Amino acid sequence: MANTKSAVKRNRQSLKRRARNINIRTTVKDAVKGFRQALGSKDPAKTAEALKSATRTVSRAASKGVVHKRAAARRVSRLAKAANRAAAAAAK
């Protein structure tokens, strides 16, 4: 348990940050899940909109420091790659 006034405050701050980070991570997971569902629906417009939303959410999480910037870039890249593959398959 925290003994000093500053340690008590740091503990309070870390609990707030943890709650915020968990919320942001959950939002990222939901956005990616929404994209995967849109990808499965085979609707190009819906997929493009979901990709835009997921990309924005992941990038925002990276800018807040919740997700590492390279991890976010890798995720966005993989989502875009999946969308492009789906679009190419639909074009055939």
PDB file of N, CA and C in Angstrom:
ATOM      1  N   MET A   1       0.843  -1.185   0.000  1.00  0.00           N
ATOM      2  CA  MET A   1       0.000   0.000   0.000  1.00  0.00           C
ATOM      3  C   MET A   1       0.886   1.245   0.000  1.00  0.00           C
ATOM      4  N   ALA A   2       0.391   2.297  -0.618  1.00  0.00           N
ATOM      5  CA  ALA A   2       1.154   3.541  -0.718  1.00  0.00           C
ATOM      6  C   ALA A   2       1.261   4.207   0.657  1.00  0.00           C
ATOM      7  N   ASN A   3       2.468   4.656   0.995  1.00  0.00           N
ATOM      8  CA  ASN A   3       2.693   5.258   2.305  1.00  0.00           C
ATOM      9  C   ASN A   3       2.729   6.770   2.279  1.00  0.00           C
ATOM     10  N   THR A   4       3.211   7.339   1.179  1.00  0.00           N
ATOM     11  CA  THR A   4       3.341   8.794   1.116  1.00  0.00           C
ATOM     12  C   THR A   4       2.183   9.398   0.322  1.00  0.00           C
ATOM     13  N   LYS A   5       2.043  10.685   0.508  1.00  0.00           N
ATOM     14  CA  LYS A   5       0.980  11.420  -0.171  1.00  0.00           C
ATOM     15  C   LYS A   5       1.145  11.320  -1.694  1.00  0.00           C
ATOM     16  N   SER A   6       2.390  11.447  -2.154  1.00  0.00           N
ATOM     17  CA  SER A   6       2.654  11.404  -3.600  1.00  0.00           C
ATOM     18  C   SER A   6       2.394  10.004  -4.163  1.00  0.00           C
ATOM     19  N   ALA A   7       2.700   8.987  -3.374  1.00  0.00           N
ATOM     20  CA  ALA A   7       2.461   7.614  -3.831  1.00  0.00           C
ATOM     21  C   ALA A   7       0.963   7.321  -3.921  1.00  0.00           C
ATOM     22  N   VAL A   8       0.202   7.877  -3.003  1.00  0.00           N
ATOM     23  CA  VAL A   8      -1.256   7.704  -3.036  1.00  0.00           C
ATOM     24  C   VAL A   8      -1.814   8.361  -4.294  1.00  0.00           C
ATOM     25  N   LYS A   9      -1.312   9.551  -4.593  1.00  0.00           N
ATOM     26  CA  LYS A   9      -1.765  10.270  -5.781  1.00  0.00           C
ATOM     27  C   LYS A   9      -1.383   9.508  -7.048  1.00  0.00           C
ATOM     28  N   ARG A  10      -0.147   9.000  -7.112  1.00  0.00           N
ATOM     29  CA  ARG A  10       0.307   8.238  -8.289  1.00  0.00           C
ATOM     30  C   ARG A  10      -0.566   7.000  -8.481  1.00  0.00           C
ATOM     31  N   ASN A  11      -0.948   6.370  -7.390  1.00  0.00           N
ATOM     32  CA  ASN A  11      -1.811   5.195  -7.460  1.00  0.00           C
ATOM     33  C   ASN A  11      -3.171   5.562  -8.047  1.00  0.00           C
ATOM     34  N   ARG A  12      -3.727   6.685  -7.587  1.00  0.00           N
ATOM     35  CA  ARG A  12      -5.005   7.175  -8.116  1.00  0.00           C
ATOM     36  C   ARG A  12      -4.900   7.446  -9.609  1.00  0.00           C
ATOM     37  N   GLN A  13      -3.807   8.104 -10.009  1.00  0.00           N
ATOM     38  CA  GLN A  13      -3.604   8.441 -11.419  1.00  0.00           C
ATOM     39  C   GLN A  13      -3.480   7.176 -12.271  1.00  0.00           C
ATOM     40  N   SER A  14      -2.749   6.193 -11.763  1.00  0.00           N
ATOM     41  CA  SER A  14      -2.538   4.972 -12.542  1.00  0.00           C
ATOM     42  C   SER A  14      -3.850   4.199 -12.715  1.00  0.00           C
ATOM     43  N   LEU A  15      -4.710   4.235 -11.700  1.00  0.00           N
ATOM     44  CA  LEU A  15      -6.006   3.575 -11.816  1.00  0.00           C
ATOM     45  C   LEU A  15      -6.874   4.242 -12.885  1.00  0.00           C
ATOM     46  N   LYS A  16      -6.833   5.588 -12.917  1.00  0.00           N
ATOM     47  CA  LYS A  16      -7.583   6.330 -13.940  1.00  0.00           C
ATOM     48  C   LYS A  16      -7.058   6.007 -15.333  1.00  0.00           C
ATOM     49  N   ARG A  17      -5.728   6.026 -15.459  1.00  0.00           N
ATOM     50  CA  ARG A  17      -5.110   5.738 -16.767  1.00  0.00           C
ATOM     51  C   ARG A  17      -5.425   4.324 -17.219  1.00  0.00           C
ATOM     52  N   ARG A  18      -5.371   3.397 -16.292  1.00  0.00           N
ATOM     53  CA  ARG A  18      -5.649   1.993 -16.615  1.00  0.00           C
ATOM     54  C   ARG A  18      -7.073   1.842 -17.136  1.00  0.00           C
ATOM     55  N   ALA A  19      -8.015   2.480 -16.466  1.00  0.00           N
ATOM     56  CA  ALA A  19      -9.420   2.412 -16.903  1.00  0.00           C
ATOM     57  C   ALA A  19      -9.567   3.012 -18.299  1.00  0.00           C
ATOM     58  N   ARG A  20      -8.910   4.139 -18.543  1.00  0.00           N
ATOM     59  CA  ARG A  20      -8.979   4.797 -19.849  1.00  0.00           C
ATOM     60  C   ARG A  20      -8.360   3.913 -20.931  1.00  0.00           C
ATOM     61  N   ASN A  21      -7.199   3.330 -20.622  1.00  0.00           N
ATOM     62  CA  ASN A  21      -6.512   2.482 -21.601  1.00  0.00           C
ATOM     63  C   ASN A  21      -7.332   1.237 -21.936  1.00  0.00           C
ATOM     64  N   ILE A  22      -7.956   0.640 -20.934  1.00  0.00           N
ATOM     65  CA  ILE A  22      -8.792  -0.537 -21.172  1.00  0.00           C
ATOM     66  C   ILE A  22      -9.950  -0.167 -22.082  1.00  0.00           C
ATOM     67  N   ASN A  23     -10.550   0.991 -21.839  1.00  0.00           N
ATOM     68  CA  ASN A  23     -11.659   1.463 -22.660  1.00  0.00           C
ATOM     69  C   ASN A  23     -11.225   1.660 -24.112  1.00  0.00           C
ATOM     70  N   ILE A  24     -10.070   2.279 -24.314  1.00  0.00           N
ATOM     71  CA  ILE A  24      -9.572   2.533 -25.667  1.00  0.00           C
ATOM     72  C   ILE A  24      -9.239   1.214 -26.359  1.00  0.00           C
ATOM     73  N   ARG A  25      -8.597   0.279 -25.639  1.00  0.00           N
ATOM     74  CA  ARG A  25      -8.267  -1.023 -26.226  1.00  0.00           C
ATOM     75  C   ARG A  25      -9.519  -1.780 -26.650  1.00  0.00           C
ATOM     76  N   THR A  26     -10.561  -1.703 -25.829  1.00  0.00           N
ATOM     77  CA  THR A  26     -11.829  -2.355 -26.155  1.00  0.00           C
ATOM     78  C   THR A  26     -12.438  -1.734 -27.405  1.00  0.00           C
ATOM     79  N   THR A  27     -12.361  -0.422 -27.517  1.00  0.00           N
ATOM     80  CA  THR A  27     -12.878   0.278 -28.693  1.00  0.00           C
ATOM     81  C   THR A  27     -12.142  -0.170 -29.949  1.00  0.00           C
ATOM     82  N   VAL A  28     -10.828  -0.341 -29.837  1.00  0.00           N
ATOM     83  CA  VAL A  28     -10.024  -0.807 -30.975  1.00  0.00           C
ATOM     84  C   VAL A  28     -10.460  -2.213 -31.378  1.00  0.00           C
ATOM     85  N   LYS A  29     -10.619  -3.085 -30.399  1.00  0.00           N
ATOM     86  CA  LYS A  29     -11.040  -4.459 -30.692  1.00  0.00           C
ATOM     87  C   LYS A  29     -12.404  -4.478 -31.365  1.00  0.00           C
ATOM     88  N   ASP A  30     -13.326  -3.650 -30.867  1.00  0.00           N
ATOM     89  CA  ASP A  30     -14.670  -3.586 -31.450  1.00  0.00           C
ATOM     90  C   ASP A  30     -14.627  -3.078 -32.889  1.00  0.00           C
ATOM     91  N   ALA A  31     -13.784  -2.091 -33.150  1.00  0.00           N
ATOM     92  CA  ALA A  31     -13.665  -1.537 -34.505  1.00  0.00           C
ATOM     93  C   ALA A  31     -13.120  -2.586 -35.468  1.00  0.00           C
ATOM     94  N   VAL A  32     -12.113  -3.330 -35.024  1.00  0.00           N
ATOM     95  CA  VAL A  32     -11.523  -4.375 -35.874  1.00  0.00           C
ATOM     96  C   VAL A  32     -12.538  -5.493 -36.099  1.00  0.00           C
ATOM     97  N   LYS A  33     -13.273  -5.835 -35.048  1.00  0.00           N
ATOM     98  CA  LYS A  33     -14.303  -6.870 -35.171  1.00  0.00           C
ATOM     99  C   LYS A  33     -15.392  -6.421 -36.156  1.00  0.00           C
ATOM    100  N   GLY A  34     -15.770  -5.159 -36.089  1.00  0.00           N
ATOM    101  CA  GLY A  34     -16.756  -4.607 -37.018  1.00  0.00           C
ATOM    102  C   GLY A  34     -16.265  -4.664 -38.444  1.00  0.00           C
ATOM    103  N   PHE A  35     -14.980  -4.393 -38.639  1.00  0.00           N
ATOM    104  CA  PHE A  35     -14.392  -4.485 -39.975  1.00  0.00           C
ATOM    105  C   PHE A  35     -14.435  -5.916 -40.488  1.00  0.00           C
ATOM    106  N   ARG A  36     -14.082  -6.866 -39.635  1.00  0.00           N
ATOM    107  CA  ARG A  36     -14.097  -8.283 -40.042  1.00  0.00           C
ATOM    108  C   ARG A  36     -15.512  -8.720 -40.432  1.00  0.00           C
ATOM    109  N   GLN A  37     -16.514  -8.253 -39.701  1.00  0.00           N
ATOM    110  CA  GLN A  37     -17.898  -8.587 -40.037  1.00  0.00           C
ATOM    111  C   GLN A  37     -18.298  -7.960 -41.365  1.00  0.00           C
ATOM    112  N   ALA A  38     -17.897  -6.721 -41.576  1.00  0.00           N
ATOM    113  CA  ALA A  38     -18.196  -6.045 -42.845  1.00  0.00           C
ATOM    114  C   ALA A  38     -17.494  -6.753 -43.996  1.00  0.00           C
ATOM    115  N   LEU A  39     -16.306  -7.247 -43.735  1.00  0.00           N
ATOM    116  CA  LEU A  39     -15.547  -7.983 -44.748  1.00  0.00           C
ATOM    117  C   LEU A  39     -16.279  -9.265 -45.126  1.00  0.00           C
ATOM    118  N   GLY A  40     -16.872  -9.907 -44.131  1.00  0.00           N
ATOM    119  CA  GLY A  40     -17.623 -11.137 -44.372  1.00  0.00           C
ATOM    120  C   GLY A  40     -18.936 -10.904 -45.096  1.00  0.00           C
ATOM    121  N   SER A  41     -19.461  -9.681 -45.024  1.00  0.00           N
ATOM    122  CA  SER A  41     -20.753  -9.394 -45.665  1.00  0.00           C
ATOM    123  C   SER A  41     -20.622  -9.233 -47.180  1.00  0.00           C
ATOM    124  N   LYS A  42     -19.399  -9.089 -47.674  1.00  0.00           N
ATOM    125  CA  LYS A  42     -19.106  -8.961 -49.110  1.00  0.00           C
ATOM    126  C   LYS A  42     -19.698  -7.692 -49.726  1.00  0.00           C
ATOM    127  N   ASP A  43     -19.970  -6.678 -48.907  1.00  0.00           N
ATOM    128  CA  ASP A  43     -20.471  -5.398 -49.401  1.00  0.00           C
ATOM    129  C   ASP A  43     -19.297  -4.412 -49.437  1.00  0.00           C
ATOM    130  N   PRO A  44     -18.830  -4.019 -50.639  1.00  0.00           N
ATOM    131  CA  PRO A  44     -17.636  -3.160 -50.740  1.00  0.00           C
ATOM    132  C   PRO A  44     -17.782  -1.808 -50.029  1.00  0.00           C
ATOM    133  N   ALA A  45     -18.951  -1.198 -50.119  1.00  0.00           N
ATOM    134  CA  ALA A  45     -19.142   0.109 -49.481  1.00  0.00           C
ATOM    135  C   ALA A  45     -19.068  -0.009 -47.962  1.00  0.00           C
ATOM    136  N   LYS A  46     -19.715  -1.048 -47.451  1.00  0.00           N
ATOM    137  CA  LYS A  46     -19.712  -1.281 -46.001  1.00  0.00           C
ATOM    138  C   LYS A  46     -18.294  -1.593 -45.508  1.00  0.00           C
ATOM    139  N   THR A  47     -17.562  -2.381 -46.295  1.00  0.00           N
ATOM    140  CA  THR A  47     -16.188  -2.741 -45.943  1.00  0.00           C
ATOM    141  C   THR A  47     -15.294  -1.509 -45.931  1.00  0.00           C
ATOM    142  N   ALA A  48     -15.437  -0.644 -46.931  1.00  0.00           N
ATOM    143  CA  ALA A  48     -14.614   0.568 -47.008  1.00  0.00           C
ATOM    144  C   ALA A  48     -14.884   1.487 -45.818  1.00  0.00           C
ATOM    145  N   GLU A  49     -16.143   1.630 -45.460  1.00  0.00           N
ATOM    146  CA  GLU A  49     -16.511   2.478 -44.325  1.00  0.00           C
ATOM    147  C   GLU A  49     -15.967   1.901 -43.018  1.00  0.00           C
ATOM    148  N   ALA A  50     -16.071   0.578 -42.863  1.00  0.00           N
ATOM    149  CA  ALA A  50     -15.569  -0.081 -41.656  1.00  0.00           C
ATOM    150  C   ALA A  50     -14.042   0.028 -41.575  1.00  0.00           C
ATOM    151  N   LEU A  51     -13.375  -0.071 -42.730  1.00  0.00           N
ATOM    152  CA  LEU A  51     -11.912   0.064 -42.759  1.00  0.00           C
ATOM    153  C   LEU A  51     -11.506   1.465 -42.319  1.00  0.00           C
ATOM    154  N   LYS A  52     -12.198   2.462 -42.822  1.00  0.00           N
ATOM    155  CA  LYS A  52     -11.906   3.849 -42.466  1.00  0.00           C
ATOM    156  C   LYS A  52     -12.081   4.065 -40.958  1.00  0.00           C
ATOM    157  N   SER A  53     -13.170   3.538 -40.428  1.00  0.00           N
ATOM    158  CA  SER A  53     -13.453   3.677 -39.002  1.00  0.00           C
ATOM    159  C   SER A  53     -12.408   2.958 -38.145  1.00  0.00           C
ATOM    160  N   ALA A  54     -12.077   1.727 -38.538  1.00  0.00           N
ATOM    161  CA  ALA A  54     -11.100   0.936 -37.776  1.00  0.00           C
ATOM    162  C   ALA A  54      -9.719   1.584 -37.823  1.00  0.00           C
ATOM    163  N   THR A  55      -9.337   2.081 -38.996  1.00  0.00           N
ATOM    164  CA  THR A  55      -8.039   2.734 -39.154  1.00  0.00           C
ATOM    165  C   THR A  55      -7.953   3.962 -38.252  1.00  0.00           C
ATOM    166  N   ARG A  56      -9.012   4.717 -38.250  1.00  0.00           N
ATOM    167  CA  ARG A  56      -9.050   5.925 -37.426  1.00  0.00           C
ATOM    168  C   ARG A  56      -8.944   5.579 -35.941  1.00  0.00           C
ATOM    169  N   THR A  57      -9.666   4.557 -35.526  1.00  0.00           N
ATOM    170  CA  THR A  57      -9.667   4.154 -34.124  1.00  0.00           C
ATOM    171  C   THR A  57      -8.289   3.659 -33.686  1.00  0.00           C
ATOM    172  N   VAL A  58      -7.669   2.829 -34.515  1.00  0.00           N
ATOM    173  CA  VAL A  58      -6.347   2.280 -34.187  1.00  0.00           C
ATOM    174  C   VAL A  58      -5.306   3.402 -34.142  1.00  0.00           C
ATOM    175  N   SER A  59      -5.367   4.311 -35.102  1.00  0.00           N
ATOM    176  CA  SER A  59      -4.412   5.421 -35.139  1.00  0.00           C
ATOM    177  C   SER A  59      -4.572   6.337 -33.933  1.00  0.00           C
ATOM    178  N   ARG A  60      -5.807   6.551 -33.525  1.00  0.00           N
ATOM    179  CA  ARG A  60      -6.050   7.387 -32.353  1.00  0.00           C
ATOM    180  C   ARG A  60      -5.487   6.723 -31.097  1.00  0.00           C
ATOM    181  N   ALA A  61      -5.652   5.412 -30.987  1.00  0.00           N
ATOM    182  CA  ALA A  61      -5.106   4.689 -29.837  1.00  0.00           C
ATOM    183  C   ALA A  61      -3.582   4.800 -29.812  1.00  0.00           C
ATOM    184  N   ALA A  62      -2.968   4.762 -30.993  1.00  0.00           N
ATOM    185  CA  ALA A  62      -1.515   4.890 -31.072  1.00  0.00           C
ATOM    186  C   ALA A  62      -1.074   6.290 -30.663  1.00  0.00           C
ATOM    187  N   SER A  63      -1.833   7.297 -31.067  1.00  0.00           N
ATOM    188  CA  SER A  63      -1.457   8.669 -30.734  1.00  0.00           C
ATOM    189  C   SER A  63      -1.583   8.923 -29.231  1.00  0.00           C
ATOM    190  N   LYS A  64      -2.470   8.195 -28.564  1.00  0.00           N
ATOM    191  CA  LYS A  64      -2.635   8.331 -27.123  1.00  0.00           C
ATOM    192  C   LYS A  64      -1.596   7.512 -26.365  1.00  0.00           C
ATOM    193  N   GLY A  65      -0.871   6.639 -27.072  1.00  0.00           N
ATOM    194  CA  GLY A  65       0.143   5.824 -26.425  1.00  0.00           C
ATOM    195  C   GLY A  65      -0.394   4.530 -25.835  1.00  0.00           C
ATOM    196  N   VAL A  66      -1.651   4.204 -26.140  1.00  0.00           N
ATOM    197  CA  VAL A  66      -2.245   2.980 -25.612  1.00  0.00           C
ATOM    198  C   VAL A  66      -1.703   1.773 -26.382  1.00  0.00           C
ATOM    199  N   VAL A  67      -1.536   1.951 -27.688  1.00  0.00           N
ATOM    200  CA  VAL A  67      -0.971   0.920 -28.558  1.00  0.00           C
ATOM    201  C   VAL A  67       0.308   1.506 -29.133  1.00  0.00           C
ATOM    202  N   HIS A  68       1.341   0.694 -29.255  1.00  0.00           N
ATOM    203  CA  HIS A  68       2.595   1.171 -29.826  1.00  0.00           C
ATOM    204  C   HIS A  68       2.372   1.595 -31.265  1.00  0.00           C
ATOM    205  N   LYS A  69       3.075   2.637 -31.710  1.00  0.00           N
ATOM    206  CA  LYS A  69       2.819   3.176 -33.048  1.00  0.00           C
ATOM    207  C   LYS A  69       3.119   2.171 -34.155  1.00  0.00           C
ATOM    208  N   ARG A  70       4.127   1.344 -33.962  1.00  0.00           N
ATOM    209  CA  ARG A  70       4.434   0.337 -34.997  1.00  0.00           C
ATOM    210  C   ARG A  70       3.412  -0.788 -34.998  1.00  0.00           C
ATOM    211  N   ALA A  71       2.933  -1.146 -33.824  1.00  0.00           N
ATOM    212  CA  ALA A  71       1.890  -2.175 -33.724  1.00  0.00           C
ATOM    213  C   ALA A  71       0.617  -1.674 -34.393  1.00  0.00           C
ATOM    214  N   ALA A  72       0.321  -0.388 -34.204  1.00  0.00           N
ATOM    215  CA  ALA A  72      -0.864   0.206 -34.834  1.00  0.00           C
ATOM    216  C   ALA A  72      -0.692   0.228 -36.353  1.00  0.00           C
ATOM    217  N   ALA A  73       0.486   0.594 -36.812  1.00  0.00           N
ATOM    218  CA  ALA A  73       0.753   0.637 -38.252  1.00  0.00           C
ATOM    219  C   ALA A  73       0.623  -0.760 -38.855  1.00  0.00           C
ATOM    220  N   ARG A  74       1.109  -1.756 -38.135  1.00  0.00           N
ATOM    221  CA  ARG A  74       1.016  -3.136 -38.611  1.00  0.00           C
ATOM    222  C   ARG A  74      -0.442  -3.573 -38.704  1.00  0.00           C
ATOM    223  N   ARG A  75      -1.228  -3.230 -37.709  1.00  0.00           N
ATOM    224  CA  ARG A  75      -2.654  -3.586 -37.720  1.00  0.00           C
ATOM    225  C   ARG A  75      -3.391  -2.931 -38.871  1.00  0.00           C
ATOM    226  N   VAL A  76      -3.147  -1.631 -39.055  1.00  0.00           N
ATOM    227  CA  VAL A  76      -3.800  -0.891 -40.135  1.00  0.00           C
ATOM    228  C   VAL A  76      -3.406  -1.489 -41.476  1.00  0.00           C
ATOM    229  N   SER A  77      -2.136  -1.825 -41.608  1.00  0.00           N
ATOM    230  CA  SER A  77      -1.641  -2.417 -42.849  1.00  0.00           C
ATOM    231  C   SER A  77      -2.341  -3.742 -43.148  1.00  0.00           C
ATOM    232  N   ARG A  78      -2.491  -4.558 -42.136  1.00  0.00           N
ATOM    233  CA  ARG A  78      -3.142  -5.860 -42.328  1.00  0.00           C
ATOM    234  C   ARG A  78      -4.619  -5.711 -42.651  1.00  0.00           C
ATOM    235  N   LEU A  79      -5.266  -4.733 -42.051  1.00  0.00           N
ATOM    236  CA  LEU A  79      -6.678  -4.491 -42.347  1.00  0.00           C
ATOM    237  C   LEU A  79      -6.846  -4.031 -43.797  1.00  0.00           C
ATOM    238  N   ALA A  80      -5.979  -3.107 -44.216  1.00  0.00           N
ATOM    239  CA  ALA A  80      -6.045  -2.596 -45.587  1.00  0.00           C
ATOM    240  C   ALA A  80      -5.754  -3.706 -46.591  1.00  0.00           C
ATOM    241  N   LYS A  81      -4.793  -4.555 -46.247  1.00  0.00           N
ATOM    242  CA  LYS A  81      -4.440  -5.674 -47.114  1.00  0.00           C
ATOM    243  C   LYS A  81      -5.624  -6.626 -47.273  1.00  0.00           C
ATOM    244  N   ALA A  82      -6.319  -6.898 -46.177  1.00  0.00           N
ATOM    245  CA  ALA A  82      -7.494  -7.773 -46.222  1.00  0.00           C
ATOM    246  C   ALA A  82      -8.598  -7.143 -47.063  1.00  0.00           C
ATOM    247  N   ALA A  83      -8.787  -5.827 -46.927  1.00  0.00           N
ATOM    248  CA  ALA A  83      -9.809  -5.125 -47.710  1.00  0.00           C
ATOM    249  C   ALA A  83      -9.471  -5.170 -49.194  1.00  0.00           C
ATOM    250  N   ASN A  84      -8.206  -4.993 -49.522  1.00  0.00           N
ATOM    251  CA  ASN A  84      -7.774  -5.030 -50.922  1.00  0.00           C
ATOM    252  C   ASN A  84      -7.937  -6.422 -51.519  1.00  0.00           C
ATOM    253  N   ARG A  85      -7.627  -7.442 -50.730  1.00  0.00           N
ATOM    254  CA  ARG A  85      -7.808  -8.827 -51.194  1.00  0.00           C
ATOM    255  C   ARG A  85      -9.286  -9.097 -51.482  1.00  0.00           C
ATOM    256  N   ALA A  86     -10.160  -8.633 -50.592  1.00  0.00           N
ATOM    257  CA  ALA A  86     -11.584  -8.832 -50.752  1.00  0.00           C
ATOM    258  C   ALA A  86     -12.102  -8.102 -51.989  1.00  0.00           C
ATOM    259  N   ALA A  87     -11.600  -6.894 -52.201  1.00  0.00           N
ATOM    260  CA  ALA A  87     -12.017  -6.105 -53.377  1.00  0.00           C
ATOM    261  C   ALA A  87     -11.546  -6.771 -54.670  1.00  0.00           C
ATOM    262  N   ALA A  88     -10.344  -7.338 -54.655  1.00  0.00           N
ATOM    263  CA  ALA A  88      -9.811  -8.019 -55.821  1.00  0.00           C
ATOM    264  C   ALA A  88     -10.610  -9.295 -56.108  1.00  0.00           C
ATOM    265  N   ALA A  89     -10.991  -9.988 -55.062  1.00  0.00           N
ATOM    266  CA  ALA A  89     -11.783 -11.213 -55.231  1.00  0.00           C
ATOM    267  C   ALA A  89     -13.179 -10.887 -55.758  1.00  0.00           C
ATOM    268  N   ALA A  90     -13.745  -9.766 -55.318  1.00  0.00           N
ATOM    269  CA  ALA A  90     -15.066  -9.357 -55.780  1.00  0.00           C
ATOM    270  C   ALA A  90     -15.024  -8.908 -57.239  1.00  0.00           C
ATOM    271  N   ALA A  91     -13.893  -8.361 -57.664  1.00  0.00           N
ATOM    272  CA  ALA A  91     -13.757  -7.883 -59.038  1.00  0.00           C
ATOM    273  C   ALA A  91     -13.654  -9.014 -60.050  1.00  0.00           C
ATOM    274  N   LYS A  92     -13.221 -10.183 -59.585  1.00  0.00           N
ATOM    275  CA  LYS A  92     -13.052 -11.335 -60.503  1.00  0.00           C
ATOM    276  C   LYS A  92     -14.355 -11.904 -60.942  1.00  0.00           C
TER     277      LYS A  92
END
